[in-house]
Amino acid sequence: MLKVIYKLEDDISTDIIYPGRYMATVLPTETPQYAFDDMKDLNQLLNGKSTDEQSIIVAGNNFGCGSSREQAASTLVGHNVIIIAKDFARIFLQNAINLGLRTIICPDIEAVAGDVLEIHDDKVVNQTRGTTHPIIPLPEARRAIVEAGGLIPYTRLKLKQKLGIS
């Protein structure tokens, strides 16, 4: 069970997630500090939590809309968060998968900061409110990439398996 640390509305763009003025900063070790930099409360919350502590951000429709900047997904990977949204912008979702960011599509999710959620393969259970919300699971191939930690670790794993290296 994980705690919701923040609730976002619809149409959260990549420029809100990772402001364009930081585009020269691309190292995954440096980008997390700028996540949601124009939303000071969320930025401080993310930067103040332990990266070992996994938590949830809940969002509405069209999360990650706007530009195709990969840093919008990588900055969130650096904070060890799961994003549960009603739906995701297509390019953001693919970037998230490629980088190993856990995303959950849950069209009728109802949760606010402080709620405790239990995530299953087919549903999210809001323990605080006593409600259950079905999810739209990622296809198996995409799930395997996320579970491996992203496209590069997934490719390494497949190559090692093919070559018989452990």
N, C-alpha and C. Protein backbone atom coordinates (compact mmCIF):
# COMPACT_ATOMS: atom_id res chain seq x y z
N MET A 1 0.84 -1.18 0.00
CA MET A 1 0.00 0.00 0.00
C MET A 1 0.89 1.24 0.00
N LEU A 2 0.49 2.19 -0.82
CA LEU A 2 1.27 3.41 -0.98
C LEU A 2 0.39 4.64 -0.76
N LYS A 3 1.03 5.71 -0.39
CA LYS A 3 0.31 6.94 -0.09
C LYS A 3 0.34 7.91 -1.27
N VAL A 4 -0.79 8.56 -1.51
CA VAL A 4 -0.87 9.62 -2.51
C VAL A 4 -0.24 10.87 -1.89
N ILE A 5 0.77 11.42 -2.58
CA ILE A 5 1.40 12.63 -2.03
C ILE A 5 0.87 13.91 -2.66
N TYR A 6 0.20 13.77 -3.84
CA TYR A 6 -0.28 14.97 -4.51
C TYR A 6 -1.35 14.60 -5.53
N LYS A 7 -2.30 15.50 -5.72
CA LYS A 7 -3.37 15.32 -6.70
C LYS A 7 -3.27 16.45 -7.72
N LEU A 8 -3.17 16.09 -8.99
CA LEU A 8 -3.10 17.04 -10.09
C LEU A 8 -4.38 16.97 -10.92
N GLU A 9 -4.66 18.02 -11.65
CA GLU A 9 -5.85 18.07 -12.49
C GLU A 9 -5.55 17.57 -13.91
N ASP A 10 -6.39 17.90 -14.86
CA ASP A 10 -6.23 17.52 -16.26
C ASP A 10 -5.15 18.36 -16.94
N ASP A 11 -4.65 17.84 -18.06
CA ASP A 11 -3.78 18.57 -18.98
C ASP A 11 -2.50 19.10 -18.33
N ILE A 12 -1.84 18.26 -17.58
CA ILE A 12 -0.54 18.63 -17.01
C ILE A 12 0.50 18.42 -18.11
N SER A 13 1.07 19.51 -18.58
CA SER A 13 1.99 19.44 -19.72
C SER A 13 3.40 19.09 -19.27
N THR A 14 4.20 18.68 -20.25
CA THR A 14 5.60 18.38 -19.97
C THR A 14 6.34 19.63 -19.50
N ASP A 15 5.86 20.82 -19.90
CA ASP A 15 6.50 22.05 -19.45
C ASP A 15 6.20 22.32 -17.97
N ILE A 16 5.09 21.83 -17.47
CA ILE A 16 4.80 21.93 -16.04
C ILE A 16 5.63 20.90 -15.29
N ILE A 17 5.74 19.71 -15.85
CA ILE A 17 6.50 18.64 -15.19
C ILE A 17 7.99 18.98 -15.14
N TYR A 18 8.52 19.43 -16.28
CA TYR A 18 9.95 19.78 -16.37
C TYR A 18 10.08 21.05 -17.20
N PRO A 19 10.11 22.22 -16.54
CA PRO A 19 10.12 23.50 -17.25
C PRO A 19 11.24 23.61 -18.29
N GLY A 20 10.91 24.23 -19.41
CA GLY A 20 11.82 24.35 -20.54
C GLY A 20 13.12 25.06 -20.22
N ARG A 21 13.13 25.93 -19.24
CA ARG A 21 14.37 26.64 -18.92
C ARG A 21 15.47 25.72 -18.40
N TYR A 22 15.12 24.47 -18.07
CA TYR A 22 16.10 23.52 -17.57
C TYR A 22 16.52 22.50 -18.63
N MET A 23 16.14 22.71 -19.87
CA MET A 23 16.39 21.72 -20.92
C MET A 23 17.88 21.44 -21.13
N ALA A 24 18.77 22.36 -20.75
CA ALA A 24 20.20 22.10 -20.89
C ALA A 24 20.68 21.07 -19.86
N THR A 25 19.88 20.86 -18.82
CA THR A 25 20.21 19.86 -17.80
C THR A 25 19.56 18.55 -18.20
N VAL A 26 20.36 17.57 -18.56
CA VAL A 26 19.81 16.32 -19.07
C VAL A 26 20.21 15.09 -18.27
N LEU A 27 21.17 15.22 -17.38
CA LEU A 27 21.62 14.04 -16.63
C LEU A 27 20.53 13.58 -15.66
N PRO A 28 20.20 12.30 -15.69
CA PRO A 28 19.15 11.79 -14.79
C PRO A 28 19.44 12.02 -13.31
N THR A 29 20.70 12.24 -12.96
CA THR A 29 21.05 12.51 -11.57
C THR A 29 20.78 13.97 -11.21
N GLU A 30 20.66 14.84 -12.21
CA GLU A 30 20.46 16.26 -11.96
C GLU A 30 19.02 16.74 -12.22
N THR A 31 18.31 16.09 -13.13
CA THR A 31 16.98 16.58 -13.51
C THR A 31 15.93 16.51 -12.40
N PRO A 32 15.98 15.53 -11.50
CA PRO A 32 14.89 15.44 -10.51
C PRO A 32 14.67 16.70 -9.68
N GLN A 33 15.69 17.44 -9.39
CA GLN A 33 15.52 18.63 -8.55
C GLN A 33 14.61 19.68 -9.19
N TYR A 34 14.40 19.59 -10.52
CA TYR A 34 13.60 20.59 -11.21
C TYR A 34 12.18 20.11 -11.52
N ALA A 35 11.81 18.92 -11.08
CA ALA A 35 10.46 18.41 -11.32
C ALA A 35 9.43 19.36 -10.71
N PHE A 36 8.47 19.77 -11.52
CA PHE A 36 7.39 20.65 -11.08
C PHE A 36 7.94 21.92 -10.40
N ASP A 37 9.02 22.47 -10.95
CA ASP A 37 9.68 23.61 -10.31
C ASP A 37 8.78 24.83 -10.18
N ASP A 38 7.80 24.98 -11.06
CA ASP A 38 6.89 26.12 -10.97
C ASP A 38 5.72 25.86 -10.03
N MET A 39 5.64 24.67 -9.50
CA MET A 39 4.65 24.32 -8.48
C MET A 39 5.45 24.07 -7.20
N LYS A 40 5.79 25.14 -6.53
CA LYS A 40 6.76 25.07 -5.42
C LYS A 40 6.41 24.05 -4.35
N ASP A 41 5.12 23.92 -4.04
CA ASP A 41 4.73 22.97 -2.99
C ASP A 41 5.04 21.53 -3.40
N LEU A 42 4.73 21.18 -4.65
CA LEU A 42 5.01 19.82 -5.12
C LEU A 42 6.51 19.61 -5.29
N ASN A 43 7.21 20.60 -5.83
CA ASN A 43 8.66 20.49 -6.00
C ASN A 43 9.33 20.26 -4.65
N GLN A 44 8.95 21.02 -3.64
CA GLN A 44 9.55 20.86 -2.31
C GLN A 44 9.19 19.51 -1.70
N LEU A 45 7.97 19.07 -1.93
CA LEU A 45 7.54 17.77 -1.42
C LEU A 45 8.38 16.65 -2.03
N LEU A 46 8.58 16.70 -3.35
CA LEU A 46 9.38 15.68 -4.03
C LEU A 46 10.84 15.73 -3.59
N ASN A 47 11.40 16.92 -3.52
CA ASN A 47 12.81 17.06 -3.15
C ASN A 47 13.06 16.77 -1.67
N GLY A 48 12.02 16.82 -0.86
CA GLY A 48 12.18 16.56 0.56
C GLY A 48 11.97 15.12 0.96
N LYS A 49 11.43 14.31 0.04
CA LYS A 49 11.17 12.91 0.41
C LYS A 49 12.36 12.03 0.04
N SER A 50 12.48 10.93 0.72
CA SER A 50 13.54 9.97 0.43
C SER A 50 13.25 9.29 -0.91
N THR A 51 14.29 9.13 -1.73
CA THR A 51 14.08 8.45 -3.02
C THR A 51 13.81 6.96 -2.83
N ASP A 52 14.11 6.44 -1.63
CA ASP A 52 13.79 5.03 -1.35
C ASP A 52 12.30 4.85 -1.11
N GLU A 53 11.63 5.91 -0.72
CA GLU A 53 10.21 5.88 -0.39
C GLU A 53 9.39 6.06 -1.67
N GLN A 54 8.72 4.97 -2.10
CA GLN A 54 7.89 5.08 -3.29
C GLN A 54 6.54 5.66 -2.91
N SER A 55 6.06 6.57 -3.73
CA SER A 55 4.79 7.22 -3.47
C SER A 55 4.05 7.46 -4.77
N ILE A 56 2.85 8.01 -4.65
CA ILE A 56 1.95 8.13 -5.81
C ILE A 56 1.56 9.59 -6.03
N ILE A 57 1.54 9.98 -7.30
CA ILE A 57 0.92 11.23 -7.72
C ILE A 57 -0.28 10.82 -8.56
N VAL A 58 -1.44 11.38 -8.26
CA VAL A 58 -2.66 11.10 -9.01
C VAL A 58 -2.95 12.29 -9.91
N ALA A 59 -3.32 12.01 -11.15
CA ALA A 59 -3.60 13.08 -12.12
C ALA A 59 -4.87 12.76 -12.89
N GLY A 60 -5.35 13.79 -13.57
CA GLY A 60 -6.55 13.65 -14.38
C GLY A 60 -6.24 13.15 -15.78
N ASN A 61 -6.93 13.72 -16.75
CA ASN A 61 -6.77 13.33 -18.15
C ASN A 61 -5.58 14.03 -18.78
N ASN A 62 -4.99 13.35 -19.78
CA ASN A 62 -3.98 13.95 -20.66
C ASN A 62 -2.70 14.34 -19.93
N PHE A 63 -2.28 13.53 -18.97
CA PHE A 63 -1.04 13.82 -18.24
C PHE A 63 0.14 13.69 -19.19
N GLY A 64 1.01 14.70 -19.19
CA GLY A 64 2.21 14.66 -20.02
C GLY A 64 1.99 15.20 -21.42
N CYS A 65 0.94 16.00 -21.62
CA CYS A 65 0.68 16.56 -22.94
C CYS A 65 1.75 17.60 -23.27
N GLY A 66 1.78 18.05 -24.50
CA GLY A 66 2.73 19.09 -24.89
C GLY A 66 3.90 18.51 -25.64
N SER A 67 5.08 19.02 -25.35
CA SER A 67 6.27 18.61 -26.10
C SER A 67 6.67 17.18 -25.78
N SER A 68 7.60 16.69 -26.56
CA SER A 68 8.02 15.29 -26.39
C SER A 68 9.25 15.16 -25.51
N ARG A 69 9.55 16.17 -24.69
CA ARG A 69 10.78 16.15 -23.90
C ARG A 69 10.83 14.93 -22.98
N GLU A 70 11.88 14.18 -23.15
CA GLU A 70 12.09 12.96 -22.37
C GLU A 70 12.34 13.26 -20.90
N GLN A 71 12.90 14.44 -20.61
CA GLN A 71 13.20 14.79 -19.22
C GLN A 71 11.96 14.82 -18.34
N ALA A 72 10.80 15.06 -18.92
CA ALA A 72 9.57 15.08 -18.11
C ALA A 72 9.33 13.72 -17.46
N ALA A 73 9.69 12.65 -18.15
CA ALA A 73 9.56 11.32 -17.54
C ALA A 73 10.76 10.99 -16.67
N SER A 74 11.97 11.32 -17.14
CA SER A 74 13.17 10.95 -16.38
C SER A 74 13.24 11.67 -15.04
N THR A 75 12.75 12.91 -14.99
CA THR A 75 12.78 13.64 -13.73
C THR A 75 11.90 12.95 -12.68
N LEU A 76 10.83 12.31 -13.11
CA LEU A 76 9.94 11.61 -12.18
C LEU A 76 10.51 10.26 -11.77
N VAL A 77 11.22 9.60 -12.69
CA VAL A 77 11.90 8.35 -12.34
C VAL A 77 12.84 8.61 -11.16
N GLY A 78 13.51 9.75 -11.20
CA GLY A 78 14.46 10.10 -10.15
C GLY A 78 13.83 10.31 -8.79
N HIS A 79 12.52 10.44 -8.74
CA HIS A 79 11.82 10.62 -7.46
C HIS A 79 11.10 9.36 -7.01
N ASN A 80 11.22 8.28 -7.76
CA ASN A 80 10.63 7.01 -7.37
C ASN A 80 9.13 7.15 -7.10
N VAL A 81 8.43 7.76 -8.06
CA VAL A 81 6.98 7.91 -7.93
C VAL A 81 6.26 7.05 -8.96
N ILE A 82 5.04 6.73 -8.63
CA ILE A 82 4.12 6.08 -9.57
C ILE A 82 3.11 7.15 -9.95
N ILE A 83 2.85 7.28 -11.24
CA ILE A 83 1.85 8.23 -11.68
C ILE A 83 0.60 7.45 -12.06
N ILE A 84 -0.49 7.73 -11.37
CA ILE A 84 -1.79 7.15 -11.71
C ILE A 84 -2.61 8.29 -12.31
N ALA A 85 -3.01 8.12 -13.56
CA ALA A 85 -3.78 9.16 -14.23
C ALA A 85 -4.96 8.56 -14.96
N LYS A 86 -5.94 9.41 -15.22
CA LYS A 86 -7.10 8.95 -15.99
C LYS A 86 -6.68 8.54 -17.39
N ASP A 87 -5.73 9.28 -17.97
CA ASP A 87 -5.05 8.85 -19.20
C ASP A 87 -3.80 9.69 -19.38
N PHE A 88 -2.94 9.25 -20.29
CA PHE A 88 -1.65 9.88 -20.54
C PHE A 88 -1.56 10.31 -21.99
N ALA A 89 -0.83 11.38 -22.23
CA ALA A 89 -0.49 11.76 -23.59
C ALA A 89 0.39 10.66 -24.18
N ARG A 90 0.19 10.36 -25.45
CA ARG A 90 0.83 9.22 -26.09
C ARG A 90 2.37 9.26 -26.01
N ILE A 91 2.97 10.38 -26.36
CA ILE A 91 4.44 10.44 -26.38
C ILE A 91 4.99 10.36 -24.96
N PHE A 92 4.35 11.03 -24.01
CA PHE A 92 4.81 10.94 -22.63
C PHE A 92 4.77 9.50 -22.15
N LEU A 93 3.68 8.80 -22.44
CA LEU A 93 3.55 7.42 -21.99
C LEU A 93 4.66 6.56 -22.56
N GLN A 94 4.98 6.73 -23.84
CA GLN A 94 6.06 5.93 -24.43
C GLN A 94 7.40 6.28 -23.81
N ASN A 95 7.65 7.58 -23.57
CA ASN A 95 8.90 7.98 -22.89
C ASN A 95 8.96 7.37 -21.50
N ALA A 96 7.84 7.37 -20.79
CA ALA A 96 7.79 6.81 -19.44
C ALA A 96 8.14 5.32 -19.47
N ILE A 97 7.57 4.60 -20.41
CA ILE A 97 7.85 3.17 -20.53
C ILE A 97 9.33 2.96 -20.83
N ASN A 98 9.86 3.71 -21.80
CA ASN A 98 11.27 3.57 -22.20
C ASN A 98 12.22 3.86 -21.06
N LEU A 99 11.81 4.70 -20.11
CA LEU A 99 12.67 5.07 -18.99
C LEU A 99 12.36 4.31 -17.71
N GLY A 100 11.34 3.45 -17.75
CA GLY A 100 11.01 2.62 -16.59
C GLY A 100 10.17 3.32 -15.54
N LEU A 101 9.49 4.41 -15.91
CA LEU A 101 8.59 5.09 -14.98
C LEU A 101 7.28 4.32 -14.90
N ARG A 102 6.88 3.99 -13.71
CA ARG A 102 5.63 3.24 -13.54
C ARG A 102 4.44 4.18 -13.69
N THR A 103 3.62 3.89 -14.68
CA THR A 103 2.41 4.65 -14.95
C THR A 103 1.22 3.70 -14.90
N ILE A 104 0.11 4.19 -14.40
CA ILE A 104 -1.09 3.37 -14.32
C ILE A 104 -2.24 4.18 -14.89
N ILE A 105 -2.91 3.61 -15.88
CA ILE A 105 -4.06 4.25 -16.50
C ILE A 105 -5.30 3.77 -15.75
N CYS A 106 -5.97 4.70 -15.10
CA CYS A 106 -7.13 4.39 -14.26
C CYS A 106 -8.19 5.45 -14.52
N PRO A 107 -9.04 5.23 -15.54
CA PRO A 107 -9.97 6.27 -16.00
C PRO A 107 -10.91 6.86 -14.96
N ASP A 108 -11.23 6.11 -13.91
CA ASP A 108 -12.17 6.68 -12.92
C ASP A 108 -11.54 6.84 -11.54
N ILE A 109 -10.21 7.00 -11.51
CA ILE A 109 -9.52 7.14 -10.22
C ILE A 109 -10.05 8.33 -9.44
N GLU A 110 -10.30 8.11 -8.18
CA GLU A 110 -10.72 9.16 -7.26
C GLU A 110 -9.84 9.01 -6.02
N ALA A 111 -8.94 9.98 -5.85
CA ALA A 111 -8.05 9.96 -4.69
C ALA A 111 -7.47 11.36 -4.51
N VAL A 112 -7.13 11.67 -3.28
CA VAL A 112 -6.51 12.95 -2.96
C VAL A 112 -5.26 12.69 -2.11
N ALA A 113 -4.47 13.73 -1.92
CA ALA A 113 -3.26 13.60 -1.10
C ALA A 113 -3.63 13.05 0.27
N GLY A 114 -2.86 12.08 0.70
CA GLY A 114 -3.11 11.44 2.00
C GLY A 114 -3.81 10.11 1.90
N ASP A 115 -4.52 9.88 0.78
CA ASP A 115 -5.19 8.59 0.61
C ASP A 115 -4.16 7.47 0.46
N VAL A 116 -4.52 6.30 0.96
CA VAL A 116 -3.67 5.12 0.85
C VAL A 116 -4.27 4.21 -0.22
N LEU A 117 -3.44 3.86 -1.21
CA LEU A 117 -3.90 3.04 -2.32
C LEU A 117 -3.19 1.71 -2.35
N GLU A 118 -3.93 0.71 -2.78
CA GLU A 118 -3.40 -0.63 -2.99
C GLU A 118 -3.51 -0.90 -4.50
N ILE A 119 -2.39 -1.23 -5.12
CA ILE A 119 -2.36 -1.42 -6.57
C ILE A 119 -2.31 -2.91 -6.90
N HIS A 120 -3.25 -3.34 -7.71
CA HIS A 120 -3.32 -4.72 -8.19
C HIS A 120 -3.13 -4.70 -9.71
N ASP A 121 -3.04 -5.86 -10.33
CA ASP A 121 -2.87 -5.95 -11.78
C ASP A 121 -4.04 -5.35 -12.55
N ASP A 122 -5.23 -5.43 -11.98
CA ASP A 122 -6.42 -5.01 -12.71
C ASP A 122 -7.21 -3.88 -12.06
N LYS A 123 -6.75 -3.41 -10.89
CA LYS A 123 -7.52 -2.38 -10.18
C LYS A 123 -6.64 -1.64 -9.18
N VAL A 124 -7.13 -0.47 -8.80
CA VAL A 124 -6.55 0.29 -7.70
C VAL A 124 -7.63 0.36 -6.62
N VAL A 125 -7.26 0.00 -5.41
CA VAL A 125 -8.20 0.06 -4.29
C VAL A 125 -7.78 1.23 -3.41
N ASN A 126 -8.71 2.16 -3.23
CA ASN A 126 -8.47 3.29 -2.34
C ASN A 126 -8.90 2.84 -0.95
N GLN A 127 -7.92 2.47 -0.14
CA GLN A 127 -8.19 1.97 1.21
C GLN A 127 -8.83 3.03 2.10
N THR A 128 -8.46 4.28 1.87
CA THR A 128 -8.99 5.37 2.68
C THR A 128 -10.47 5.57 2.45
N ARG A 129 -10.91 5.48 1.20
CA ARG A 129 -12.30 5.76 0.84
C ARG A 129 -13.15 4.50 0.68
N GLY A 130 -12.49 3.34 0.62
CA GLY A 130 -13.23 2.10 0.44
C GLY A 130 -13.77 1.92 -0.97
N THR A 131 -13.06 2.45 -1.97
CA THR A 131 -13.51 2.36 -3.36
C THR A 131 -12.52 1.58 -4.20
N THR A 132 -13.03 1.00 -5.29
CA THR A 132 -12.20 0.23 -6.22
C THR A 132 -12.33 0.83 -7.61
N HIS A 133 -11.21 0.94 -8.29
CA HIS A 133 -11.17 1.58 -9.60
C HIS A 133 -10.41 0.68 -10.58
N PRO A 134 -11.07 0.22 -11.66
CA PRO A 134 -10.40 -0.64 -12.63
C PRO A 134 -9.31 0.12 -13.39
N ILE A 135 -8.27 -0.60 -13.78
CA ILE A 135 -7.20 0.01 -14.56
C ILE A 135 -7.20 -0.56 -15.98
N ILE A 136 -6.56 0.17 -16.87
CA ILE A 136 -6.32 -0.33 -18.23
C ILE A 136 -4.86 -0.76 -18.23
N PRO A 137 -4.60 -2.05 -18.20
CA PRO A 137 -3.20 -2.50 -18.08
C PRO A 137 -2.41 -2.24 -19.36
N LEU A 138 -1.13 -2.03 -19.17
CA LEU A 138 -0.23 -1.93 -20.32
C LEU A 138 -0.12 -3.30 -20.97
N PRO A 139 0.10 -3.35 -22.27
CA PRO A 139 0.36 -4.64 -22.91
C PRO A 139 1.58 -5.31 -22.28
N GLU A 140 1.62 -6.61 -22.34
CA GLU A 140 2.66 -7.39 -21.68
C GLU A 140 4.07 -6.94 -22.06
N ALA A 141 4.31 -6.67 -23.33
CA ALA A 141 5.65 -6.26 -23.77
C ALA A 141 6.06 -4.93 -23.13
N ARG A 142 5.13 -4.00 -23.03
CA ARG A 142 5.44 -2.71 -22.40
C ARG A 142 5.66 -2.87 -20.90
N ARG A 143 4.88 -3.72 -20.26
CA ARG A 143 5.05 -3.98 -18.83
C ARG A 143 6.43 -4.56 -18.55
N ALA A 144 6.88 -5.46 -19.43
CA ALA A 144 8.20 -6.09 -19.25
C ALA A 144 9.31 -5.04 -19.31
N ILE A 145 9.16 -4.05 -20.17
CA ILE A 145 10.16 -2.98 -20.28
C ILE A 145 10.19 -2.17 -18.99
N VAL A 146 9.03 -1.79 -18.48
CA VAL A 146 8.96 -1.02 -17.24
C VAL A 146 9.54 -1.83 -16.08
N GLU A 147 9.16 -3.09 -15.99
CA GLU A 147 9.65 -3.94 -14.89
C GLU A 147 11.15 -4.13 -14.94
N ALA A 148 11.74 -4.07 -16.13
CA ALA A 148 13.19 -4.21 -16.27
C ALA A 148 13.91 -2.91 -15.90
N GLY A 149 13.16 -1.82 -15.78
CA GLY A 149 13.77 -0.54 -15.45
C GLY A 149 13.91 0.39 -16.65
N GLY A 150 13.34 -0.01 -17.78
CA GLY A 150 13.39 0.82 -18.98
C GLY A 150 13.89 0.03 -20.17
N LEU A 151 13.92 0.69 -21.31
CA LEU A 151 14.27 0.02 -22.56
C LEU A 151 15.72 -0.44 -22.60
N ILE A 152 16.64 0.35 -22.09
CA ILE A 152 18.05 -0.06 -22.11
C ILE A 152 18.29 -1.26 -21.20
N PRO A 153 17.85 -1.24 -19.95
CA PRO A 153 18.02 -2.44 -19.11
C PRO A 153 17.29 -3.66 -19.69
N TYR A 154 16.13 -3.44 -20.29
CA TYR A 154 15.38 -4.54 -20.90
C TYR A 154 16.18 -5.16 -22.05
N THR A 155 16.76 -4.31 -22.88
CA THR A 155 17.55 -4.80 -24.01
C THR A 155 18.78 -5.55 -23.52
N ARG A 156 19.44 -5.02 -22.51
CA ARG A 156 20.60 -5.72 -21.92
C ARG A 156 20.19 -7.11 -21.41
N LEU A 157 19.06 -7.16 -20.71
CA LEU A 157 18.55 -8.42 -20.17
C LEU A 157 18.31 -9.43 -21.29
N LYS A 158 17.65 -8.98 -22.36
CA LYS A 158 17.34 -9.87 -23.49
C LYS A 158 18.62 -10.35 -24.17
N LEU A 159 19.59 -9.46 -24.33
CA LEU A 159 20.87 -9.86 -24.93
C LEU A 159 21.59 -10.89 -24.07
N LYS A 160 21.61 -10.65 -22.76
CA LYS A 160 22.25 -11.62 -21.87
C LYS A 160 21.57 -12.97 -21.93
N GLN A 161 20.22 -12.95 -21.98
CA GLN A 161 19.48 -14.21 -22.08
C GLN A 161 19.81 -14.92 -23.38
N LYS A 162 19.88 -14.18 -24.46
CA LYS A 162 20.18 -14.75 -25.76
C LYS A 162 21.58 -15.34 -25.81
N LEU A 163 22.52 -14.67 -25.13
CA LEU A 163 23.91 -15.13 -25.14
C LEU A 163 24.20 -16.13 -24.03
N GLY A 164 23.22 -16.38 -23.16
CA GLY A 164 23.39 -17.32 -22.07
C GLY A 164 24.27 -16.79 -20.95
N ILE A 165 24.30 -15.48 -20.80
CA ILE A 165 25.09 -14.82 -19.75
C ILE A 165 24.16 -14.50 -18.59
N SER A 166 24.65 -14.76 -17.36
CA SER A 166 23.79 -14.43 -16.21
C SER A 166 24.15 -13.15 -15.57
